PDB file of N, CA and C in Angstrom:
ATOM      1  N   ARG A   1     -70.746 -79.487 -26.381  1.00  0.00           N
ATOM      2  CA  ARG A   1     -70.229 -78.079 -25.846  1.00  0.00           C
ATOM      3  C   ARG A   1     -69.030 -78.341 -25.546  1.00  0.00           C
ATOM      4  N   LEU A   2     -68.607 -79.349 -25.156  1.00  0.00           N
ATOM      5  CA  LEU A   2     -66.875 -79.317 -24.724  1.00  0.00           C
ATOM      6  C   LEU A   2     -66.229 -79.357 -26.082  1.00  0.00           C
ATOM      7  N   VAL A   3     -66.973 -80.168 -27.005  1.00  0.00           N
ATOM      8  CA  VAL A   3     -65.368 -80.187 -27.827  1.00  0.00           C
ATOM      9  C   VAL A   3     -65.298 -78.905 -28.445  1.00  0.00           C
ATOM     10  N   LEU A   4     -66.357 -77.782 -28.728  1.00  0.00           N
ATOM     11  CA  LEU A   4     -66.385 -76.678 -29.394  1.00  0.00           C
ATOM     12  C   LEU A   4     -65.627 -75.330 -28.192  1.00  0.00           C
ATOM     13  N   ALA A   5     -65.633 -75.868 -26.944  1.00  0.00           N
ATOM     14  CA  ALA A   5     -65.507 -74.492 -25.309  1.00  0.00           C
ATOM     15  C   ALA A   5     -64.206 -74.130 -25.973  1.00  0.00           C
ATOM     16  N   ASP A   6     -63.286 -74.471 -26.915  1.00  0.00           N
ATOM     17  CA  ASP A   6     -61.825 -73.915 -27.214  1.00  0.00           C
ATOM     18  C   ASP A   6     -61.610 -73.492 -28.455  1.00  0.00           C
ATOM     19  N   GLY A   7     -63.090 -73.108 -28.723  1.00  0.00           N
ATOM     20  CA  GLY A   7     -63.444 -72.904 -30.358  1.00  0.00           C
ATOM     21  C   GLY A   7     -62.758 -73.189 -31.303  1.00  0.00           C
ATOM     22  N   THR A   8     -62.955 -74.635 -31.270  1.00  0.00           N
ATOM     23  CA  THR A   8     -62.253 -75.400 -32.642  1.00  0.00           C
ATOM     24  C   THR A   8     -62.354 -77.166 -31.677  1.00  0.00           C
ATOM     25  N   ALA A   9     -63.123 -77.411 -33.072  1.00  0.00           N
ATOM     26  CA  ALA A   9     -63.629 -79.011 -32.443  1.00  0.00           C
ATOM     27  C   ALA A   9     -62.453 -79.772 -33.120  1.00  0.00           C
ATOM     28  N   SER A  10     -61.377 -80.448 -32.305  1.00  0.00           N
ATOM     29  CA  SER A  10     -60.512 -81.386 -33.477  1.00  0.00           C
ATOM     30  C   SER A  10     -60.596 -82.669 -33.507  1.00  0.00           C
ATOM     31  N   GLU A  11     -60.131 -82.850 -34.518  1.00  0.00           N
ATOM     32  CA  GLU A  11     -60.025 -84.661 -35.032  1.00  0.00           C
ATOM     33  C   GLU A  11     -60.774 -85.360 -33.187  1.00  0.00           C
ATOM     34  N   ALA A  12     -59.598 -84.769 -33.069  1.00  0.00           N
ATOM     35  CA  ALA A  12     -59.207 -85.976 -31.348  1.00  0.00           C
ATOM     36  C   ALA A  12     -60.033 -86.341 -30.648  1.00  0.00           C
ATOM     37  N   GLU A  13     -60.676 -85.264 -30.383  1.00  0.00           N
ATOM     38  CA  GLU A  13     -61.553 -84.753 -29.343  1.00  0.00           C
ATOM     39  C   GLU A  13     -63.166 -85.495 -30.151  1.00  0.00           C
ATOM     40  N   MET A  14     -63.549 -84.947 -31.593  1.00  0.00           N
ATOM     41  CA  MET A  14     -64.403 -85.676 -32.263  1.00  0.00           C
ATOM     42  C   MET A  14     -64.528 -87.305 -32.186  1.00  0.00           C
ATOM     43  N   GLN A  15     -63.283 -87.832 -32.401  1.00  0.00           N
ATOM     44  CA  GLN A  15     -63.248 -89.072 -32.242  1.00  0.00           C
ATOM     45  C   GLN A  15     -63.840 -89.644 -30.959  1.00  0.00           C
ATOM     46  N   ALA A  16     -62.981 -88.539 -29.996  1.00  0.00           N
ATOM     47  CA  ALA A  16     -63.622 -89.743 -28.003  1.00  0.00           C
ATOM     48  C   ALA A  16     -65.115 -89.408 -27.964  1.00  0.00           C
ATOM     49  N   LEU A  17     -65.703 -88.902 -28.746  1.00  0.00           N
ATOM     50  CA  LEU A  17     -66.851 -88.302 -28.771  1.00  0.00           C
ATOM     51  C   LEU A  17     -67.323 -89.487 -29.261  1.00  0.00           C
ATOM     52  N   ARG A  18     -67.476 -89.679 -30.517  1.00  0.00           N
ATOM     53  CA  ARG A  18     -67.689 -91.054 -31.383  1.00  0.00           C
ATOM     54  C   ARG A  18     -67.694 -91.934 -30.819  1.00  0.00           C
ATOM     55  N   HIS A  19     -66.510 -92.298 -30.162  1.00  0.00           N
ATOM     56  CA  HIS A  19     -66.390 -93.366 -29.329  1.00  0.00           C
ATOM     57  C   HIS A  19     -66.940 -93.375 -27.948  1.00  0.00           C
ATOM     58  N   ILE A  20     -67.171 -92.438 -27.237  1.00  0.00           N
ATOM     59  CA  ILE A  20     -68.240 -92.533 -26.289  1.00  0.00           C
ATOM     60  C   ILE A  20     -69.399 -93.077 -26.572  1.00  0.00           C
ATOM     61  N   CYS A  21     -70.099 -92.047 -27.413  1.00  0.00           N
ATOM     62  CA  CYS A  21     -71.280 -92.126 -27.971  1.00  0.00           C
ATOM     63  C   CYS A  21     -72.010 -93.469 -28.594  1.00  0.00           C
ATOM     64  N   GLY A  22     -70.431 -94.220 -28.864  1.00  0.00           N
ATOM     65  CA  GLY A  22     -71.161 -95.521 -29.459  1.00  0.00           C
ATOM     66  C   GLY A  22     -71.041 -96.663 -28.518  1.00  0.00           C
ATOM     67  N   ASP A  23     -69.858 -96.548 -27.242  1.00  0.00           N
ATOM     68  CA  ASP A  23     -69.920 -96.972 -26.419  1.00  0.00           C
ATOM     69  C   ASP A  23     -71.195 -97.025 -25.026  1.00  0.00           C
ATOM     70  N   ALA A  24     -71.619 -95.586 -25.099  1.00  0.00           N
ATOM     71  CA  ALA A  24     -72.517 -95.277 -24.068  1.00  0.00           C
ATOM     72  C   ALA A  24     -74.008 -95.374 -24.527  1.00  0.00           C
ATOM     73  N   PHE A  25     -73.758 -94.695 -25.739  1.00  0.00           N
ATOM     74  CA  PHE A  25     -75.551 -95.280 -25.942  1.00  0.00           C
ATOM     75  C   PHE A  25     -75.873 -95.907 -27.615  1.00  0.00           C
ATOM     76  N   GLY A  26     -74.995 -96.374 -27.817  1.00  0.00           N
ATOM     77  CA  GLY A  26     -74.898 -96.948 -28.983  1.00  0.00           C
ATOM     78  C   GLY A  26     -75.441 -96.454 -30.406  1.00  0.00           C
ATOM     79  N   LEU A  27     -74.912 -94.866 -30.203  1.00  0.00           N
ATOM     80  CA  LEU A  27     -74.938 -94.164 -31.766  1.00  0.00           C
ATOM     81  C   LEU A  27     -73.398 -94.030 -32.738  1.00  0.00           C
ATOM     82  N   HIS A  28     -73.579 -94.784 -33.728  1.00  0.00           N
ATOM     83  CA  HIS A  28     -72.412 -95.072 -34.634  1.00  0.00           C
ATOM     84  C   HIS A  28     -72.879 -94.335 -35.821  1.00  0.00           C
ATOM     85  N   GLY A  29     -72.107 -94.057 -36.471  1.00  0.00           N
ATOM     86  CA  GLY A  29     -71.925 -94.118 -37.798  1.00  0.00           C
ATOM     87  C   GLY A  29     -73.218 -93.057 -38.218  1.00  0.00           C
ATOM     88  N   LYS A  30     -74.345 -92.455 -38.783  1.00  0.00           N
ATOM     89  CA  LYS A  30     -75.151 -91.868 -39.229  1.00  0.00           C
ATOM     90  C   LYS A  30     -75.987 -91.743 -37.835  1.00  0.00           C
ATOM     91  N   ASP A  31     -76.268 -92.499 -37.078  1.00  0.00           N
ATOM     92  CA  ASP A  31     -76.838 -92.132 -35.726  1.00  0.00           C
ATOM     93  C   ASP A  31     -76.017 -91.127 -35.417  1.00  0.00           C
ATOM     94  N   PHE A  32     -74.870 -91.087 -35.279  1.00  0.00           N
ATOM     95  CA  PHE A  32     -74.041 -90.441 -34.138  1.00  0.00           C
ATOM     96  C   PHE A  32     -74.205 -88.886 -35.065  1.00  0.00           C
ATOM     97  N   ASP A  33     -73.848 -88.991 -36.490  1.00  0.00           N
ATOM     98  CA  ASP A  33     -73.629 -87.836 -37.479  1.00  0.00           C
ATOM     99  C   ASP A  33     -75.301 -87.336 -37.327  1.00  0.00           C
ATOM    100  N   ALA A  34     -76.068 -87.671 -37.812  1.00  0.00           N
ATOM    101  CA  ALA A  34     -77.614 -86.568 -36.913  1.00  0.00           C
ATOM    102  C   ALA A  34     -77.840 -86.644 -35.826  1.00  0.00           C
ATOM    103  N   GLU A  35     -77.727 -87.101 -34.696  1.00  0.00           N
ATOM    104  CA  GLU A  35     -77.265 -86.499 -33.430  1.00  0.00           C
ATOM    105  C   GLU A  35     -76.585 -85.541 -33.124  1.00  0.00           C
ATOM    106  N   ILE A  36     -75.354 -85.178 -34.027  1.00  0.00           N
ATOM    107  CA  ILE A  36     -74.746 -84.418 -34.182  1.00  0.00           C
ATOM    108  C   ILE A  36     -75.331 -82.241 -34.665  1.00  0.00           C
ATOM    109  N   ALA A  37     -76.211 -83.074 -35.964  1.00  0.00           N
ATOM    110  CA  ALA A  37     -76.645 -82.481 -36.438  1.00  0.00           C
ATOM    111  C   ALA A  37     -77.653 -81.845 -35.284  1.00  0.00           C
ATOM    112  N   TYR A  38     -78.580 -82.787 -35.104  1.00  0.00           N
ATOM    113  CA  TYR A  38     -79.717 -82.475 -34.286  1.00  0.00           C
ATOM    114  C   TYR A  38     -78.977 -80.925 -33.313  1.00  0.00           C
ATOM    115  N   LEU A  39     -77.922 -81.471 -32.442  1.00  0.00           N
ATOM    116  CA  LEU A  39     -77.363 -81.048 -31.466  1.00  0.00           C
ATOM    117  C   LEU A  39     -77.094 -79.031 -32.245  1.00  0.00           C
ATOM    118  N   GLY A  40     -76.236 -79.251 -33.114  1.00  0.00           N
ATOM    119  CA  GLY A  40     -76.002 -77.604 -33.917  1.00  0.00           C
ATOM    120  C   GLY A  40     -77.089 -77.087 -34.257  1.00  0.00           C
ATOM    121  N   ASP A  41     -78.700 -77.749 -34.919  1.00  0.00           N
ATOM    122  CA  ASP A  41     -79.699 -76.983 -35.343  1.00  0.00           C
ATOM    123  C   ASP A  41     -80.492 -76.896 -34.137  1.00  0.00           C
ATOM    124  N   TYR A  42     -80.530 -77.322 -32.766  1.00  0.00           N
ATOM    125  CA  TYR A  42     -81.285 -77.361 -31.733  1.00  0.00           C
ATOM    126  C   TYR A  42     -80.666 -76.859 -30.261  1.00  0.00           C
ATOM    127  N   GLY A  43     -79.366 -77.062 -30.063  1.00  0.00           N
ATOM    128  CA  GLY A  43     -78.904 -77.399 -29.257  1.00  0.00           C
ATOM    129  C   GLY A  43     -78.297 -75.934 -28.189  1.00  0.00           C
ATOM    130  N   TYR A  44     -78.441 -74.632 -29.173  1.00  0.00           N
ATOM    131  CA  TYR A  44     -78.465 -73.551 -28.445  1.00  0.00           C
ATOM    132  C   TYR A  44     -79.916 -73.035 -27.424  1.00  0.00           C
ATOM    133  N   GLU A  45     -80.756 -73.917 -28.159  1.00  0.00           N
ATOM    134  CA  GLU A  45     -82.146 -73.741 -26.448  1.00  0.00           C
ATOM    135  C   GLU A  45     -81.769 -74.578 -25.402  1.00  0.00           C
ATOM    136  N   THR A  46     -80.637 -75.008 -25.271  1.00  0.00           N
ATOM    137  CA  THR A  46     -80.473 -75.678 -23.953  1.00  0.00           C
ATOM    138  C   THR A  46     -79.562 -75.331 -23.328  1.00  0.00           C
ATOM    139  N   THR A  47     -79.716 -74.681 -22.219  1.00  0.00           N
ATOM    140  CA  THR A  47     -78.046 -74.004 -21.562  1.00  0.00           C
ATOM    141  C   THR A  47     -77.346 -75.200 -20.506  1.00  0.00           C
ATOM    142  N   GLY A  48     -76.319 -75.286 -20.792  1.00  0.00           N
ATOM    143  CA  GLY A  48     -75.144 -75.994 -20.024  1.00  0.00           C
ATOM    144  C   GLY A  48     -76.083 -76.583 -18.661  1.00  0.00           C
ATOM    145  N   ALA A  49     -76.023 -75.733 -18.171  1.00  0.00           N
ATOM    146  CA  ALA A  49     -76.856 -76.156 -16.951  1.00  0.00           C
ATOM    147  C   ALA A  49     -77.901 -77.193 -16.673  1.00  0.00           C
ATOM    148  N   GLN A  50     -78.812 -76.414 -18.004  1.00  0.00           N
ATOM    149  CA  GLN A  50     -79.829 -77.518 -17.969  1.00  0.00           C
ATOM    150  C   GLN A  50     -79.448 -79.362 -18.542  1.00  0.00           C
ATOM    151  N   ALA A  51     -78.403 -79.045 -19.756  1.00  0.00           N
ATOM    152  CA  ALA A  51     -77.527 -79.965 -20.337  1.00  0.00           C
ATOM    153  C   ALA A  51     -77.837 -81.246 -18.678  1.00  0.00           C
ATOM    154  N   ALA A  52     -77.079 -80.687 -17.678  1.00  0.00           N
ATOM    155  CA  ALA A  52     -76.454 -81.516 -16.853  1.00  0.00           C
ATOM    156  C   ALA A  52     -77.350 -81.653 -15.513  1.00  0.00           C
ATOM    157  N   ALA A  53     -78.559 -80.813 -15.916  1.00  0.00           N
ATOM    158  CA  ALA A  53     -79.603 -80.795 -14.708  1.00  0.00           C
ATOM    159  C   ALA A  53     -80.207 -82.876 -14.918  1.00  0.00           C
ATOM    160  N   VAL A  54     -80.016 -82.720 -15.994  1.00  0.00           N
ATOM    161  CA  VAL A  54     -80.550 -83.954 -17.107  1.00  0.00           C
ATOM    162  C   VAL A  54     -79.920 -84.955 -16.220  1.00  0.00           C
ATOM    163  N   PHE A  55     -79.016 -84.886 -15.620  1.00  0.00           N
ATOM    164  CA  PHE A  55     -77.942 -86.388 -15.177  1.00  0.00           C
ATOM    165  C   PHE A  55     -77.912 -86.716 -13.547  1.00  0.00           C
ATOM    166  N   ARG A  56     -78.129 -85.318 -13.094  1.00  0.00           N
ATOM    167  CA  ARG A  56     -78.385 -84.489 -11.531  1.00  0.00           C
ATOM    168  C   ARG A  56     -79.444 -85.979 -11.087  1.00  0.00           C
ATOM    169  N   ASP A  57     -79.843 -86.109 -11.526  1.00  0.00           N
ATOM    170  CA  ASP A  57     -80.314 -87.911 -10.701  1.00  0.00           C
ATOM    171  C   ASP A  57     -80.462 -89.169 -10.762  1.00  0.00           C
ATOM    172  N   LEU A  58     -79.144 -89.154 -11.697  1.00  0.00           N
ATOM    173  CA  LEU A  58     -78.661 -90.296 -11.447  1.00  0.00           C
ATOM    174  C   LEU A  58     -77.592 -90.329 -10.499  1.00  0.00           C
ATOM    175  N   PRO A  59     -77.773 -92.180 -10.218  1.00  0.00           N
ATOM    176  CA  PRO A  59     -76.846 -92.741  -9.575  1.00  0.00           C
ATOM    177  C   PRO A  59     -75.157 -92.010  -9.474  1.00  0.00           C
ATOM    178  N   GLU A  60     -74.644 -92.071  -8.417  1.00  0.00           N
ATOM    179  CA  GLU A  60     -73.463 -91.476  -8.248  1.00  0.00           C
ATOM    180  C   GLU A  60     -72.469 -92.055  -9.095  1.00  0.00           C
ATOM    181  N   ASP A  61     -72.118 -93.191  -9.496  1.00  0.00           N
ATOM    182  CA  ASP A  61     -71.479 -93.664 -10.584  1.00  0.00           C
ATOM    183  C   ASP A  61     -71.930 -93.372 -11.669  1.00  0.00           C
ATOM    184  N   ARG A  62     -72.747 -93.202 -12.237  1.00  0.00           N
ATOM    185  CA  ARG A  62     -73.075 -92.444 -13.438  1.00  0.00           C
ATOM    186  C   ARG A  62     -72.623 -91.538 -13.278  1.00  0.00           C
ATOM    187  N   ARG A  63     -73.153 -89.989 -12.399  1.00  0.00           N
ATOM    188  CA  ARG A  63     -72.637 -88.590 -12.623  1.00  0.00           C
ATOM    189  C   ARG A  63     -71.266 -88.900 -12.857  1.00  0.00           C
ATOM    190  N   ARG A  64     -70.102 -89.664 -11.978  1.00  0.00           N
ATOM    191  CA  ARG A  64     -68.797 -89.963 -11.933  1.00  0.00           C
ATOM    192  C   ARG A  64     -68.594 -90.446 -13.333  1.00  0.00           C
ATOM    193  N   ALA A  65     -69.253 -90.718 -14.223  1.00  0.00           N
ATOM    194  CA  ALA A  65     -69.245 -91.146 -15.476  1.00  0.00           C
ATOM    195  C   ALA A  65     -69.155 -90.559 -16.321  1.00  0.00           C
ATOM    196  N   VAL A  66     -69.710 -89.340 -16.173  1.00  0.00           N
ATOM    197  CA  VAL A  66     -70.203 -88.608 -16.998  1.00  0.00           C
ATOM    198  C   VAL A  66     -69.494 -87.230 -17.286  1.00  0.00           C
ATOM    199  N   VAL A  67     -68.715 -87.112 -15.890  1.00  0.00           N
ATOM    200  CA  VAL A  67     -67.389 -85.792 -15.675  1.00  0.00           C
ATOM    201  C   VAL A  67     -66.311 -86.804 -16.314  1.00  0.00           C
ATOM    202  N   ASP A  68     -65.969 -88.006 -16.213  1.00  0.00           N
ATOM    203  CA  ASP A  68     -65.120 -88.889 -16.752  1.00  0.00           C
ATOM    204  C   ASP A  68     -64.993 -88.639 -17.718  1.00  0.00           C
ATOM    205  N   ARG A  69     -65.890 -88.866 -18.887  1.00  0.00           N
ATOM    206  CA  ARG A  69     -65.611 -88.858 -20.205  1.00  0.00           C
ATOM    207  C   ARG A  69     -65.600 -87.224 -20.515  1.00  0.00           C
ATOM    208  N   LEU A  70     -65.897 -86.307 -19.967  1.00  0.00           N
ATOM    209  CA  LEU A  70     -65.971 -85.488 -20.294  1.00  0.00           C
ATOM    210  C   LEU A  70     -64.061 -84.810 -20.494  1.00  0.00           C
ATOM    211  N   ILE A  71     -63.318 -85.364 -19.114  1.00  0.00           N
ATOM    212  CA  ILE A  71     -62.402 -85.120 -18.993  1.00  0.00           C
ATOM    213  C   ILE A  71     -61.734 -85.953 -20.185  1.00  0.00           C
ATOM    214  N   ALA A  72     -61.999 -86.321 -20.861  1.00  0.00           N
ATOM    215  CA  ALA A  72     -61.486 -87.890 -21.388  1.00  0.00           C
ATOM    216  C   ALA A  72     -61.860 -86.912 -23.087  1.00  0.00           C
ATOM    217  N   ILE A  73     -62.693 -86.420 -23.363  1.00  0.00           N
ATOM    218  CA  ILE A  73     -63.258 -85.015 -24.149  1.00  0.00           C
ATOM    219  C   ILE A  73     -62.067 -84.092 -24.480  1.00  0.00           C
ATOM    220  N   ALA A  74     -61.975 -83.982 -22.961  1.00  0.00           N
ATOM    221  CA  ALA A  74     -61.128 -82.606 -23.141  1.00  0.00           C
ATOM    222  C   ALA A  74     -59.476 -82.902 -23.679  1.00  0.00           C
ATOM    223  N   LYS A  75     -59.216 -84.175 -22.969  1.00  0.00           N
ATOM    224  CA  LYS A  75     -57.926 -84.431 -22.755  1.00  0.00           C
ATOM    225  C   LYS A  75     -57.501 -85.325 -24.937  1.00  0.00           C
ATOM    226  N   ALA A  76     -58.553 -85.410 -24.984  1.00  0.00           N
ATOM    227  CA  ALA A  76     -58.138 -85.805 -26.447  1.00  0.00           C
ATOM    228  C   ALA A  76     -56.890 -85.633 -27.423  1.00  0.00           C
ATOM    229  N   ASP A  77     -57.019 -84.052 -27.530  1.00  0.00           N
ATOM    230  CA  ASP A  77     -56.199 -83.224 -28.159  1.00  0.00           C
ATOM    231  C   ASP A  77     -54.619 -82.856 -27.768  1.00  0.00           C
ATOM    232  N   ARG A  78     -54.738 -83.380 -26.264  1.00  0.00           N
ATOM    233  CA  ARG A  78     -53.651 -83.238 -25.944  1.00  0.00           C
ATOM    234  C   ARG A  78     -53.536 -82.016 -25.153  1.00  0.00           C
ATOM    235  N   ALA A  79     -54.164 -80.923 -25.390  1.00  0.00           N
ATOM    236  CA  ALA A  79     -54.227 -79.240 -24.940  1.00  0.00           C
ATOM    237  C   ALA A  79     -55.633 -78.961 -24.218  1.00  0.00           C
ATOM    238  N   VAL A  80     -55.955 -79.302 -22.819  1.00  0.00           N
ATOM    239  CA  VAL A  80     -56.776 -78.630 -22.542  1.00  0.00           C
ATOM    240  C   VAL A  80     -56.681 -76.866 -21.755  1.00  0.00           C
ATOM    241  N   ASP A  81     -57.567 -76.530 -22.745  1.00  0.00           N
ATOM    242  CA  ASP A  81     -58.099 -74.806 -22.218  1.00  0.00           C
ATOM    243  C   ASP A  81     -58.770 -74.452 -21.233  1.00  0.00           C
ATOM    244  N   PRO A  82     -58.633 -73.155 -21.106  1.00  0.00           N
ATOM    245  CA  PRO A  82     -58.907 -72.943 -19.552  1.00  0.00           C
ATOM    246  C   PRO A  82     -60.588 -73.402 -19.779  1.00  0.00           C
ATOM    247  N   ARG A  83     -61.085 -72.595 -20.523  1.00  0.00           N
ATOM    248  CA  ARG A  83     -62.145 -72.609 -20.648  1.00  0.00           C
ATOM    249  C   ARG A  83     -62.980 -74.198 -20.890  1.00  0.00           C
ATOM    250  N   GLU A  84     -62.218 -75.102 -21.150  1.00  0.00           N
ATOM    251  CA  GLU A  84     -62.728 -76.456 -20.806  1.00  0.00           C
ATOM    252  C   GLU A  84     -62.846 -76.955 -19.571  1.00  0.00           C
ATOM    253  N   VAL A  85     -61.354 -76.415 -18.922  1.00  0.00           N
ATOM    254  CA  VAL A  85     -61.545 -76.723 -17.312  1.00  0.00           C
ATOM    255  C   VAL A  85     -62.564 -75.982 -17.045  1.00  0.00           C
ATOM    256  N   ARG A  86     -62.994 -74.668 -16.494  1.00  0.00           N
ATOM    257  CA  ARG A  86     -64.261 -74.251 -16.405  1.00  0.00           C
ATOM    258  C   ARG A  86     -65.680 -74.981 -16.820  1.00  0.00           C
ATOM    259  N   LEU A  87     -66.286 -75.471 -18.312  1.00  0.00           N
ATOM    260  CA  LEU A  87     -66.551 -76.162 -18.157  1.00  0.00           C
ATOM    261  C   LEU A  87     -67.050 -77.111 -17.665  1.00  0.00           C
ATOM    262  N   ILE A  88     -65.538 -77.913 -17.613  1.00  0.00           N
ATOM    263  CA  ILE A  88     -66.257 -79.538 -16.634  1.00  0.00           C
ATOM    264  C   ILE A  88     -66.085 -78.832 -15.312  1.00  0.00           C
ATOM    265  N   ALA A  89     -65.555 -78.087 -14.591  1.00  0.00           N
ATOM    266  CA  ALA A  89     -65.910 -77.773 -13.108  1.00  0.00           C
ATOM    267  C   ALA A  89     -67.117 -77.144 -12.645  1.00  0.00           C
ATOM    268  N   ARG A  90     -67.729 -76.357 -13.777  1.00  0.00           N
ATOM    269  CA  ARG A  90     -69.173 -76.349 -13.609  1.00  0.00           C
ATOM    270  C   ARG A  90     -69.973 -77.596 -13.974  1.00  0.00           C
ATOM    271  N   ALA A  91     -70.106 -78.290 -14.417  1.00  0.00           N
ATOM    272  CA  ALA A  91     -71.416 -79.784 -15.061  1.00  0.00           C
ATOM    273  C   ALA A  91     -71.030 -80.512 -13.508  1.00  0.00           C
ATOM    274  N   GLY A  92     -69.107 -80.507 -13.218  1.00  0.00           N
ATOM    275  CA  GLY A  92     -68.680 -81.426 -11.633  1.00  0.00           C
ATOM    276  C   GLY A  92     -69.765 -80.446 -10.836  1.00  0.00           C
ATOM    277  N   GLU A  93     -70.005 -79.540 -10.419  1.00  0.00           N
ATOM    278  CA  GLU A  93     -70.467 -79.002  -9.629  1.00  0.00           C
ATOM    279  C   GLU A  93     -71.946 -79.002  -9.819  1.00  0.00           C
ATOM    280  N   ILE A  94     -72.837 -78.973 -10.230  1.00  0.00           N
ATOM    281  CA  ILE A  94     -74.124 -79.462 -10.838  1.00  0.00           C
ATOM    282  C   ILE A  94     -74.235 -81.146 -10.519  1.00  0.00           C
ATOM    283  N   LEU A  95     -73.559 -81.687 -10.690  1.00  0.00           N
ATOM    284  CA  LEU A  95     -73.655 -82.970 -11.010  1.00  0.00           C
ATOM    285  C   LEU A  95     -73.167 -83.341  -8.946  1.00  0.00           C
ATOM    286  N   GLY A  96     -72.446 -82.678  -8.688  1.00  0.00           N
ATOM    287  CA  GLY A  96     -71.905 -83.025  -7.398  1.00  0.00           C
ATOM    288  C   GLY A  96     -70.434 -84.335  -7.027  1.00  0.00           C
ATOM    289  N   ILE A  97     -69.621 -83.679  -8.253  1.00  0.00           N
ATOM    290  CA  ILE A  97     -68.581 -84.487  -8.408  1.00  0.00           C
ATOM    291  C   ILE A  97     -67.242 -83.621  -9.044  1.00  0.00           C
ATOM    292  N   ASP A  98     -66.434 -83.530  -7.837  1.00  0.00           N
ATOM    293  CA  ASP A  98     -65.076 -83.535  -8.310  1.00  0.00           C
ATOM    294  C   ASP A  98     -64.356 -83.810  -9.422  1.00  0.00           C
ATOM    295  N   PRO A  99     -64.155 -82.854 -10.105  1.00  0.00           N
ATOM    296  CA  PRO A  99     -63.505 -83.440 -11.420  1.00  0.00           C
ATOM    297  C   PRO A  99     -61.956 -83.899 -10.987  1.00  0.00           C
ATOM    298  N   ARG A 100     -61.623 -83.174  -9.909  1.00  0.00           N
ATOM    299  CA  ARG A 100     -60.519 -83.246  -9.074  1.00  0.00           C
ATOM    300  C   ARG A 100     -59.464 -83.993  -8.736  1.00  0.00           C
ATOM    301  N   SER A 101     -60.861 -85.400  -8.235  1.00  0.00           N
ATOM    302  CA  SER A 101     -61.579 -86.385  -7.739  1.00  0.00           C
ATOM    303  C   SER A 101     -60.860 -87.655  -8.444  1.00  0.00           C
ATOM    304  N   LEU A 102     -61.081 -87.405  -9.898  1.00  0.00           N
ATOM    305  CA  LEU A 102     -61.109 -88.540 -10.868  1.00  0.00           C
ATOM    306  C   LEU A 102     -60.348 -88.450 -11.075  1.00  0.00           C
ATOM    307  N   ILE A 103     -59.352 -87.270 -11.782  1.00  0.00           N
ATOM    308  CA  ILE A 103     -58.124 -87.404 -12.617  1.00  0.00           C
ATOM    309  C   ILE A 103     -56.892 -87.518 -11.349  1.00  0.00           C
ATOM    310  N   ALA A 104     -57.343 -86.881  -9.774  1.00  0.00           N
ATOM    311  CA  ALA A 104     -56.393 -87.613  -9.204  1.00  0.00           C
ATOM    312  C   ALA A 104     -55.987 -89.164  -8.909  1.00  0.00           C
ATOM    313  N   HIS A 105     -57.182 -89.849  -9.137  1.00  0.00           N
ATOM    314  CA  HIS A 105     -57.560 -91.430  -9.050  1.00  0.00           C
ATOM    315  C   HIS A 105     -56.797 -91.675 -10.757  1.00  0.00           C
ATOM    316  N   ARG A 106     -56.434 -91.164 -11.906  1.00  0.00           N
ATOM    317  CA  ARG A 106     -55.595 -91.133 -12.714  1.00  0.00           C
ATOM    318  C   ARG A 106     -54.562 -91.513 -13.103  1.00  0.00           C
ATOM    319  N   GLY A 107     -54.263 -91.034 -11.738  1.00  0.00           N
ATOM    320  CA  GLY A 107     -52.513 -90.727 -12.156  1.00  0.00           C
ATOM    321  C   GLY A 107     -51.462 -90.167 -12.460  1.00  0.00           C
TER     322      GLY A 107
END
């Protein structure tokens, strides 16, 4: 959802998503493409709040990693859109993580 939050799936954001999915979930190449196709076909059935709720019970470091990865995707195209900011803020609220605390540590 974040990749499309500003209305455009930029190549830089897709590359960031590919990198994260490869590192975090072992999704590479055709496996990644299949998951993106699945999300395109069925992702509309899940709200952002429902998707974030899946991660709510994870340990804090994992929840922080989710929000940090959202920030990385938003920044990948060097243009953070207000809609991306709102989506990250809402995900952070649901997960109990203030995105500003992660941005502050990056410097």
